[in-house]
PDB file of N, CA and C in Angstrom:
ATOM      1  N   MET A   1       6.106 157.467 106.589  1.00  0.00           N
ATOM      2  CA  MET A   1       6.568 156.795 107.792  1.00  0.00           C
ATOM      3  C   MET A   1       6.241 155.315 107.710  1.00  0.00           C
ATOM      4  N   GLU A   2       7.107 154.553 108.273  1.00  0.00           N
ATOM      5  CA  GLU A   2       6.896 153.118 108.261  1.00  0.00           C
ATOM      6  C   GLU A   2       5.909 152.714 109.341  1.00  0.00           C
ATOM      7  N   TRP A   3       5.160 151.660 109.074  1.00  0.00           N
ATOM      8  CA  TRP A   3       4.179 151.158 110.028  1.00  0.00           C
ATOM      9  C   TRP A   3       4.874 150.659 111.300  1.00  0.00           C
ATOM     10  N   ASN A   4       6.078 150.108 111.177  1.00  0.00           N
ATOM     11  CA  ASN A   4       6.788 149.602 112.355  1.00  0.00           C
ATOM     12  C   ASN A   4       7.054 150.705 113.368  1.00  0.00           C
ATOM     13  N   ASN A   5       7.358 151.914 112.904  1.00  0.00           N
ATOM     14  CA  ASN A   5       7.582 153.023 113.827  1.00  0.00           C
ATOM     15  C   ASN A   5       6.300 153.355 114.578  1.00  0.00           C
ATOM     16  N   TRP A   6       5.181 153.417 113.862  1.00  0.00           N
ATOM     17  CA  TRP A   6       3.904 153.717 114.507  1.00  0.00           C
ATOM     18  C   TRP A   6       3.502 152.594 115.453  1.00  0.00           C
ATOM     19  N   ARG A   7       3.742 151.373 115.032  1.00  0.00           N
ATOM     20  CA  ARG A   7       3.391 150.211 115.866  1.00  0.00           C
ATOM     21  C   ARG A   7       4.191 150.238 117.165  1.00  0.00           C
ATOM     22  N   HIS A   8       5.460 150.511 117.074  1.00  0.00           N
ATOM     23  CA  HIS A   8       6.313 150.593 118.257  1.00  0.00           C
ATOM     24  C   HIS A   8       5.860 151.728 119.174  1.00  0.00           C
ATOM     25  N   TRP A   9       5.526 152.869 118.578  1.00  0.00           N
ATOM     26  CA  TRP A   9       5.087 154.028 119.348  1.00  0.00           C
ATOM     27  C   TRP A   9       3.770 153.742 120.065  1.00  0.00           C
ATOM     28  N   LEU A  10       2.795 153.155 119.358  1.00  0.00           N
ATOM     29  CA  LEU A  10       1.508 152.809 119.966  1.00  0.00           C
ATOM     30  C   LEU A  10       1.675 151.768 121.065  1.00  0.00           C
ATOM     31  N   HIS A  11       2.558 150.821 120.839  1.00  0.00           N
ATOM     32  CA  HIS A  11       2.831 149.794 121.846  1.00  0.00           C
ATOM     33  C   HIS A  11       3.340 150.443 123.128  1.00  0.00           C
ATOM     34  N   GLY A  12       4.245 151.383 123.006  1.00  0.00           N
ATOM     35  CA  GLY A  12       4.770 152.085 124.177  1.00  0.00           C
ATOM     36  C   GLY A  12       3.710 152.928 124.868  1.00  0.00           C
ATOM     37  N   LEU A  13       2.872 153.590 124.087  1.00  0.00           N
ATOM     38  CA  LEU A  13       1.808 154.430 124.655  1.00  0.00           C
ATOM     39  C   LEU A  13       0.792 153.593 125.420  1.00  0.00           C
ATOM     40  N   ILE A  14       0.372 152.488 124.836  1.00  0.00           N
ATOM     41  CA  ILE A  14      -0.585 151.607 125.503  1.00  0.00           C
ATOM     42  C   ILE A  14       0.048 150.961 126.729  1.00  0.00           C
ATOM     43  N   GLY A  15       1.305 150.568 126.618  1.00  0.00           N
ATOM     44  CA  GLY A  15       2.004 149.975 127.761  1.00  0.00           C
ATOM     45  C   GLY A  15       2.126 150.940 128.929  1.00  0.00           C
ATOM     46  N   ALA A  16       2.425 152.198 128.632  1.00  0.00           N
ATOM     47  CA  ALA A  16       2.532 153.199 129.695  1.00  0.00           C
ATOM     48  C   ALA A  16       1.177 153.437 130.352  1.00  0.00           C
ATOM     49  N   SER A  17       0.118 153.444 129.559  1.00  0.00           N
ATOM     50  CA  SER A  17      -1.228 153.644 130.100  1.00  0.00           C
ATOM     51  C   SER A  17      -1.646 152.484 131.000  1.00  0.00           C
ATOM     52  N   ILE A  18      -1.404 151.263 130.543  1.00  0.00           N
ATOM     53  CA  ILE A  18      -1.771 150.094 131.338  1.00  0.00           C
ATOM     54  C   ILE A  18      -0.946 150.028 132.613  1.00  0.00           C
ATOM     55  N   GLY A  19       0.338 150.315 132.517  1.00  0.00           N
ATOM     56  CA  GLY A  19       1.193 150.296 133.703  1.00  0.00           C
ATOM     57  C   GLY A  19       0.754 151.304 134.750  1.00  0.00           C
ATOM     58  N   SER A  20       0.401 152.501 134.303  1.00  0.00           N
ATOM     59  CA  SER A  20      -0.044 153.528 135.247  1.00  0.00           C
ATOM     60  C   SER A  20      -1.406 153.201 135.830  1.00  0.00           C
ATOM     61  N   ALA A  21      -2.290 152.634 135.028  1.00  0.00           N
ATOM     62  CA  ALA A  21      -3.612 152.251 135.536  1.00  0.00           C
ATOM     63  C   ALA A  21      -3.488 151.148 136.571  1.00  0.00           C
ATOM     64  N   SER A  22      -2.595 150.196 136.337  1.00  0.00           N
ATOM     65  CA  SER A  22      -2.427 149.124 137.317  1.00  0.00           C
ATOM     66  C   SER A  22      -1.780 149.634 138.603  1.00  0.00           C
ATOM     67  N   THR A  23      -0.929 150.631 138.490  1.00  0.00           N
ATOM     68  CA  THR A  23      -0.358 151.239 139.687  1.00  0.00           C
ATOM     69  C   THR A  23      -1.439 151.970 140.476  1.00  0.00           C
ATOM     70  N   ALA A  24      -2.381 152.576 139.780  1.00  0.00           N
ATOM     71  CA  ALA A  24      -3.476 153.273 140.454  1.00  0.00           C
ATOM     72  C   ALA A  24      -4.356 152.302 141.230  1.00  0.00           C
ATOM     73  N   VAL A  25      -4.404 151.054 140.783  1.00  0.00           N
ATOM     74  CA  VAL A  25      -5.188 150.049 141.498  1.00  0.00           C
ATOM     75  C   VAL A  25      -4.644 149.851 142.914  1.00  0.00           C
ATOM     76  N   LEU A  26      -3.347 150.004 143.092  1.00  0.00           N
ATOM     77  CA  LEU A  26      -2.770 149.873 144.435  1.00  0.00           C
ATOM     78  C   LEU A  26      -3.348 150.906 145.393  1.00  0.00           C
ATOM     79  N   SER A  27      -3.581 152.105 144.915  1.00  0.00           N
ATOM     80  CA  SER A  27      -4.187 153.112 145.785  1.00  0.00           C
ATOM     81  C   SER A  27      -5.632 152.749 146.102  1.00  0.00           C
ATOM     82  N   VAL A  28      -6.321 152.109 145.170  1.00  0.00           N
ATOM     83  CA  VAL A  28      -7.691 151.652 145.421  1.00  0.00           C
ATOM     84  C   VAL A  28      -7.691 150.574 146.494  1.00  0.00           C
ATOM     85  N   VAL A  29      -6.764 149.633 146.378  1.00  0.00           N
ATOM     86  CA  VAL A  29      -6.676 148.562 147.369  1.00  0.00           C
ATOM     87  C   VAL A  29      -6.325 149.137 148.737  1.00  0.00           C
ATOM     88  N   GLY A  30      -5.371 150.044 148.762  1.00  0.00           N
ATOM     89  CA  GLY A  30      -4.985 150.663 150.033  1.00  0.00           C
ATOM     90  C   GLY A  30      -6.125 151.440 150.666  1.00  0.00           C
ATOM     91  N   THR A  31      -6.881 152.146 149.875  1.00  0.00           N
ATOM     92  CA  THR A  31      -8.024 152.903 150.393  1.00  0.00           C
ATOM     93  C   THR A  31      -9.098 151.958 150.922  1.00  0.00           C
ATOM     94  N   SER A  32      -9.327 150.856 150.214  1.00  0.00           N
ATOM     95  CA  SER A  32     -10.348 149.905 150.636  1.00  0.00           C
ATOM     96  C   SER A  32      -9.974 149.204 151.935  1.00  0.00           C
ATOM     97  N   ILE A  33      -8.704 148.963 152.152  1.00  0.00           N
ATOM     98  CA  ILE A  33      -8.257 148.283 153.369  1.00  0.00           C
ATOM     99  C   ILE A  33      -8.356 149.219 154.571  1.00  0.00           C
ATOM    100  N   THR A  34      -7.953 150.460 154.398  1.00  0.00           N
ATOM    101  CA  THR A  34      -7.898 151.380 155.534  1.00  0.00           C
ATOM    102  C   THR A  34      -9.197 152.123 155.796  1.00  0.00           C
ATOM    103  N   GLY A  35     -10.081 152.190 154.833  1.00  0.00           N
ATOM    104  CA  GLY A  35     -11.301 152.967 155.030  1.00  0.00           C
ATOM    105  C   GLY A  35     -12.484 152.299 154.374  1.00  0.00           C
ATOM    106  N   ASP A  36     -13.418 153.099 153.939  1.00  0.00           N
ATOM    107  CA  ASP A  36     -14.604 152.580 153.270  1.00  0.00           C
ATOM    108  C   ASP A  36     -14.246 152.072 151.886  1.00  0.00           C
ATOM    109  N   PRO A  37     -14.822 150.930 151.482  1.00  0.00           N
ATOM    110  CA  PRO A  37     -14.572 150.440 150.127  1.00  0.00           C
ATOM    111  C   PRO A  37     -15.154 151.392 149.086  1.00  0.00           C
ATOM    112  N   LEU A  38     -14.503 151.448 147.963  1.00  0.00           N
ATOM    113  CA  LEU A  38     -14.942 152.328 146.876  1.00  0.00           C
ATOM    114  C   LEU A  38     -15.908 151.591 145.955  1.00  0.00           C
ATOM    115  N   ASN A  39     -16.783 152.342 145.300  1.00  0.00           N
ATOM    116  CA  ASN A  39     -17.663 151.712 144.316  1.00  0.00           C
ATOM    117  C   ASN A  39     -16.940 151.638 142.973  1.00  0.00           C
ATOM    118  N   TRP A  40     -17.538 150.954 141.991  1.00  0.00           N
ATOM    119  CA  TRP A  40     -16.881 150.732 140.709  1.00  0.00           C
ATOM    120  C   TRP A  40     -16.634 152.029 139.954  1.00  0.00           C
ATOM    121  N   HIS A  41     -17.522 152.980 140.095  1.00  0.00           N
ATOM    122  CA  HIS A  41     -17.340 154.259 139.412  1.00  0.00           C
ATOM    123  C   HIS A  41     -16.071 154.949 139.917  1.00  0.00           C
ATOM    124  N   GLN A  42     -15.862 154.940 141.216  1.00  0.00           N
ATOM    125  CA  GLN A  42     -14.660 155.562 141.779  1.00  0.00           C
ATOM    126  C   GLN A  42     -13.398 154.805 141.371  1.00  0.00           C
ATOM    127  N   VAL A  43     -13.488 153.477 141.361  1.00  0.00           N
ATOM    128  CA  VAL A  43     -12.331 152.663 140.974  1.00  0.00           C
ATOM    129  C   VAL A  43     -11.950 152.938 139.519  1.00  0.00           C
ATOM    130  N   LEU A  44     -12.942 152.962 138.626  1.00  0.00           N
ATOM    131  CA  LEU A  44     -12.655 153.210 137.209  1.00  0.00           C
ATOM    132  C   LEU A  44     -12.147 154.633 136.978  1.00  0.00           C
ATOM    133  N   THR A  45     -12.641 155.591 137.765  1.00  0.00           N
ATOM    134  CA  THR A  45     -12.155 156.968 137.645  1.00  0.00           C
ATOM    135  C   THR A  45     -10.689 157.059 138.043  1.00  0.00           C
ATOM    136  N   ILE A  46     -10.325 156.382 139.118  1.00  0.00           N
ATOM    137  CA  ILE A  46      -8.928 156.382 139.565  1.00  0.00           C
ATOM    138  C   ILE A  46      -8.037 155.694 138.526  1.00  0.00           C
ATOM    139  N   MET A  47      -8.508 154.567 137.973  1.00  0.00           N
ATOM    140  CA  MET A  47      -7.714 153.869 136.959  1.00  0.00           C
ATOM    141  C   MET A  47      -7.565 154.706 135.693  1.00  0.00           C
ATOM    142  N   ALA A  48      -8.642 155.367 135.277  1.00  0.00           N
ATOM    143  CA  ALA A  48      -8.582 156.190 134.068  1.00  0.00           C
ATOM    144  C   ALA A  48      -7.648 157.379 134.255  1.00  0.00           C
ATOM    145  N   SER A  49      -7.684 157.981 135.430  1.00  0.00           N
ATOM    146  CA  SER A  49      -6.781 159.118 135.664  1.00  0.00           C
ATOM    147  C   SER A  49      -5.333 158.654 135.717  1.00  0.00           C
ATOM    148  N   GLY A  50      -5.079 157.468 136.275  1.00  0.00           N
ATOM    149  CA  GLY A  50      -3.725 156.910 136.264  1.00  0.00           C
ATOM    150  C   GLY A  50      -3.249 156.613 134.858  1.00  0.00           C
ATOM    151  N   ALA A  51      -4.141 156.053 134.034  1.00  0.00           N
ATOM    152  CA  ALA A  51      -3.787 155.761 132.641  1.00  0.00           C
ATOM    153  C   ALA A  51      -3.511 157.051 131.871  1.00  0.00           C
ATOM    154  N   LEU A  52      -4.290 158.085 132.145  1.00  0.00           N
ATOM    155  CA  LEU A  52      -4.087 159.373 131.480  1.00  0.00           C
ATOM    156  C   LEU A  52      -2.739 159.982 131.850  1.00  0.00           C
ATOM    157  N   VAL A  53      -2.372 159.887 133.117  1.00  0.00           N
ATOM    158  CA  VAL A  53      -1.067 160.407 133.551  1.00  0.00           C
ATOM    159  C   VAL A  53       0.063 159.632 132.865  1.00  0.00           C
ATOM    160  N   GLY A  54      -0.068 158.317 132.794  1.00  0.00           N
ATOM    161  CA  GLY A  54       0.941 157.508 132.109  1.00  0.00           C
ATOM    162  C   GLY A  54       1.060 157.841 130.635  1.00  0.00           C
ATOM    163  N   ALA A  55      -0.083 158.030 129.970  1.00  0.00           N
ATOM    164  CA  ALA A  55      -0.074 158.375 128.549  1.00  0.00           C
ATOM    165  C   ALA A  55       0.553 159.751 128.321  1.00  0.00           C
ATOM    166  N   MET A  56       0.217 160.700 129.157  1.00  0.00           N
ATOM    167  CA  MET A  56       0.774 162.051 129.002  1.00  0.00           C
ATOM    168  C   MET A  56       2.288 162.055 129.264  1.00  0.00           C
ATOM    169  N   THR A  57       2.727 161.260 130.224  1.00  0.00           N
ATOM    170  CA  THR A  57       4.168 161.156 130.487  1.00  0.00           C
ATOM    171  C   THR A  57       4.888 160.547 129.288  1.00  0.00           C
ATOM    172  N   TYR A  58       4.286 159.520 128.688  1.00  0.00           N
ATOM    173  CA  TYR A  58       4.886 158.900 127.512  1.00  0.00           C
ATOM    174  C   TYR A  58       4.922 159.878 126.342  1.00  0.00           C
ATOM    175  N   LEU A  59       3.832 160.634 126.165  1.00  0.00           N
ATOM    176  CA  LEU A  59       3.797 161.602 125.067  1.00  0.00           C
ATOM    177  C   LEU A  59       4.800 162.728 125.266  1.00  0.00           C
ATOM    178  N   LYS A  60       5.096 163.045 126.519  1.00  0.00           N
ATOM    179  CA  LYS A  60       6.122 164.054 126.783  1.00  0.00           C
ATOM    180  C   LYS A  60       7.484 163.540 126.343  1.00  0.00           C
ATOM    181  N   GLN A  61       7.729 162.270 126.596  1.00  0.00           N
ATOM    182  CA  GLN A  61       9.013 161.657 126.257  1.00  0.00           C
ATOM    183  C   GLN A  61       9.110 161.383 124.753  1.00  0.00           C
ATOM    184  N   SER A  62       8.019 160.931 124.146  1.00  0.00           N
ATOM    185  CA  SER A  62       8.039 160.534 122.737  1.00  0.00           C
ATOM    186  C   SER A  62       6.772 161.045 122.053  1.00  0.00           C
ATOM    187  N   PRO A  63       6.753 162.319 121.642  1.00  0.00           N
ATOM    188  CA  PRO A  63       5.533 162.911 121.094  1.00  0.00           C
ATOM    189  C   PRO A  63       4.979 162.202 119.861  1.00  0.00           C
ATOM    190  N   LEU A  64       5.804 161.885 118.903  1.00  0.00           N
ATOM    191  CA  LEU A  64       5.403 161.168 117.693  1.00  0.00           C
ATOM    192  C   LEU A  64       6.552 160.265 117.280  1.00  0.00           C
ATOM    193  N   PRO A  65       6.248 159.206 116.543  1.00  0.00           N
ATOM    194  CA  PRO A  65       7.347 158.357 116.090  1.00  0.00           C
ATOM    195  C   PRO A  65       8.282 159.114 115.159  1.00  0.00           C
ATOM    196  N   ALA A  66       9.530 158.694 115.165  1.00  0.00           N
ATOM    197  CA  ALA A  66      10.524 159.342 114.309  1.00  0.00           C
ATOM    198  C   ALA A  66      10.177 159.100 112.850  1.00  0.00           C
ATOM    199  N   GLU A  67      10.365 160.133 112.069  1.00  0.00           N
ATOM    200  CA  GLU A  67      10.080 160.025 110.643  1.00  0.00           C
ATOM    201  C   GLU A  67      11.288 159.415 109.943  1.00  0.00           C
ATOM    202  N   THR A  68      11.027 158.458 109.113  1.00  0.00           N
ATOM    203  CA  THR A  68      12.111 157.835 108.363  1.00  0.00           C
ATOM    204  C   THR A  68      12.025 158.295 106.914  1.00  0.00           C
ATOM    205  N   THR A  69      13.158 158.490 106.340  1.00  0.00           N
ATOM    206  CA  THR A  69      13.205 158.872 104.928  1.00  0.00           C
ATOM    207  C   THR A  69      13.878 157.758 104.157  1.00  0.00           C
ATOM    208  N   GLU A  70      13.457 157.607 102.947  1.00  0.00           N
ATOM    209  CA  GLU A  70      13.995 156.554 102.118  1.00  0.00           C
ATOM    210  C   GLU A  70      14.753 157.188 100.957  1.00  0.00           C
ATOM    211  N   THR A  71      15.966 156.766 100.764  1.00  0.00           N
ATOM    212  CA  THR A  71      16.780 157.279  99.671  1.00  0.00           C
ATOM    213  C   THR A  71      17.000 156.153  98.671  1.00  0.00           C
ATOM    214  N   LYS A  72      16.674 156.429  97.431  1.00  0.00           N
ATOM    215  CA  LYS A  72      16.888 155.427  96.386  1.00  0.00           C
ATOM    216  C   LYS A  72      17.955 155.942  95.435  1.00  0.00           C
ATOM    217  N   THR A  73      18.904 155.095  95.135  1.00  0.00           N
ATOM    218  CA  THR A  73      19.967 155.431  94.208  1.00  0.00           C
ATOM    219  C   THR A  73      19.858 154.516  92.995  1.00  0.00           C
ATOM    220  N   THR A  74      19.855 155.113  91.831  1.00  0.00           N
ATOM    221  CA  THR A  74      19.781 154.344  90.596  1.00  0.00           C
ATOM    222  C   THR A  74      21.109 154.479  89.862  1.00  0.00           C
ATOM    223  N   ILE A  75      21.667 153.358  89.530  1.00  0.00           N
ATOM    224  CA  ILE A  75      22.939 153.338  88.800  1.00  0.00           C
ATOM    225  C   ILE A  75      22.666 152.714  87.430  1.00  0.00           C
ATOM    226  N   THR A  76      23.039 153.435  86.402  1.00  0.00           N
ATOM    227  CA  THR A  76      22.866 152.946  85.035  1.00  0.00           C
ATOM    228  C   THR A  76      24.239 152.572  84.491  1.00  0.00           C
ATOM    229  N   VAL A  77      24.327 151.369  84.004  1.00  0.00           N
ATOM    230  CA  VAL A  77      25.590 150.887  83.451  1.00  0.00           C
ATOM    231  C   VAL A  77      25.390 150.665  81.958  1.00  0.00           C
ATOM    232  N   GLU A  78      26.263 151.280  81.174  1.00  0.00           N
ATOM    233  CA  GLU A  78      26.206 151.115  79.730  1.00  0.00           C
ATOM    234  C   GLU A  78      27.392 150.272  79.300  1.00  0.00           C
ATOM    235  N   GLN A  79      27.124 149.366  78.410  1.00  0.00           N
ATOM    236  CA  GLN A  79      28.194 148.522  77.910  1.00  0.00           C
ATOM    237  C   GLN A  79      28.460 148.907  76.468  1.00  0.00           C
ATOM    238  N   LYS A  80      29.723 149.226  76.185  1.00  0.00           N
ATOM    239  CA  LYS A  80      30.104 149.593  74.829  1.00  0.00           C
ATOM    240  C   LYS A  80      30.745 148.387  74.172  1.00  0.00           C
ATOM    241  N   THR A  81      30.326 148.172  72.962  1.00  0.00           N
ATOM    242  CA  THR A  81      30.954 147.089  72.201  1.00  0.00           C
ATOM    243  C   THR A  81      31.633 147.701  70.988  1.00  0.00           C
ATOM    244  N   GLU A  82      32.804 147.221  70.724  1.00  0.00           N
ATOM    245  CA  GLU A  82      33.553 147.735  69.581  1.00  0.00           C
ATOM    246  C   GLU A  82      33.604 146.653  68.516  1.00  0.00           C
ATOM    247  N   THR A  83      33.427 147.098  67.329  1.00  0.00           N
ATOM    248  CA  THR A  83      33.547 146.166  66.216  1.00  0.00           C
ATOM    249  C   THR A  83      34.796 146.549  65.426  1.00  0.00           C
ATOM    250  N   THR A  84      35.508 145.586  65.050  1.00  0.00           N
ATOM    251  CA  THR A  84      36.716 145.867  64.255  1.00  0.00           C
ATOM    252  C   THR A  84      36.563 145.221  62.885  1.00  0.00           C
ATOM    253  N   LYS A  85      37.109 145.907  61.887  1.00  0.00           N
ATOM    254  CA  LYS A  85      37.069 145.404  60.519  1.00  0.00           C
ATOM    255  C   LYS A  85      38.394 144.724  60.240  1.00  0.00           C
ATOM    256  N   GLU A  86      38.280 143.567  59.740  1.00  0.00           N
ATOM    257  CA  GLU A  86      39.506 142.877  59.343  1.00  0.00           C
ATOM    258  C   GLU A  86      39.591 142.860  57.833  1.00  0.00           C
ATOM    259  N   ASN A  87      40.759 143.083  57.336  1.00  0.00           N
ATOM    260  CA  ASN A  87      40.960 143.090  55.896  1.00  0.00           C
ATOM    261  C   ASN A  87      41.303 141.741  55.381  1.00  0.00           C
TER     262      ASN A  87
END
């Protein structure tokens, strides 16, 4: 497999995790405004669970990068030379 496929796949997985974790922060902000503020342990737990949900959703959509195969074709060209005898 090519590194570009893995790089693209990891980029998507990390992006989905970060996006979901940042969305989870909105629930932390909403909870803090309407009720008691949360401590850092609770905030990090909510962010980690959001990131996990995002990663699992991405893995459902794209379990592993696509495998690429490489085909090599070799062409051999022979050149024939003719010699003629002149009298």
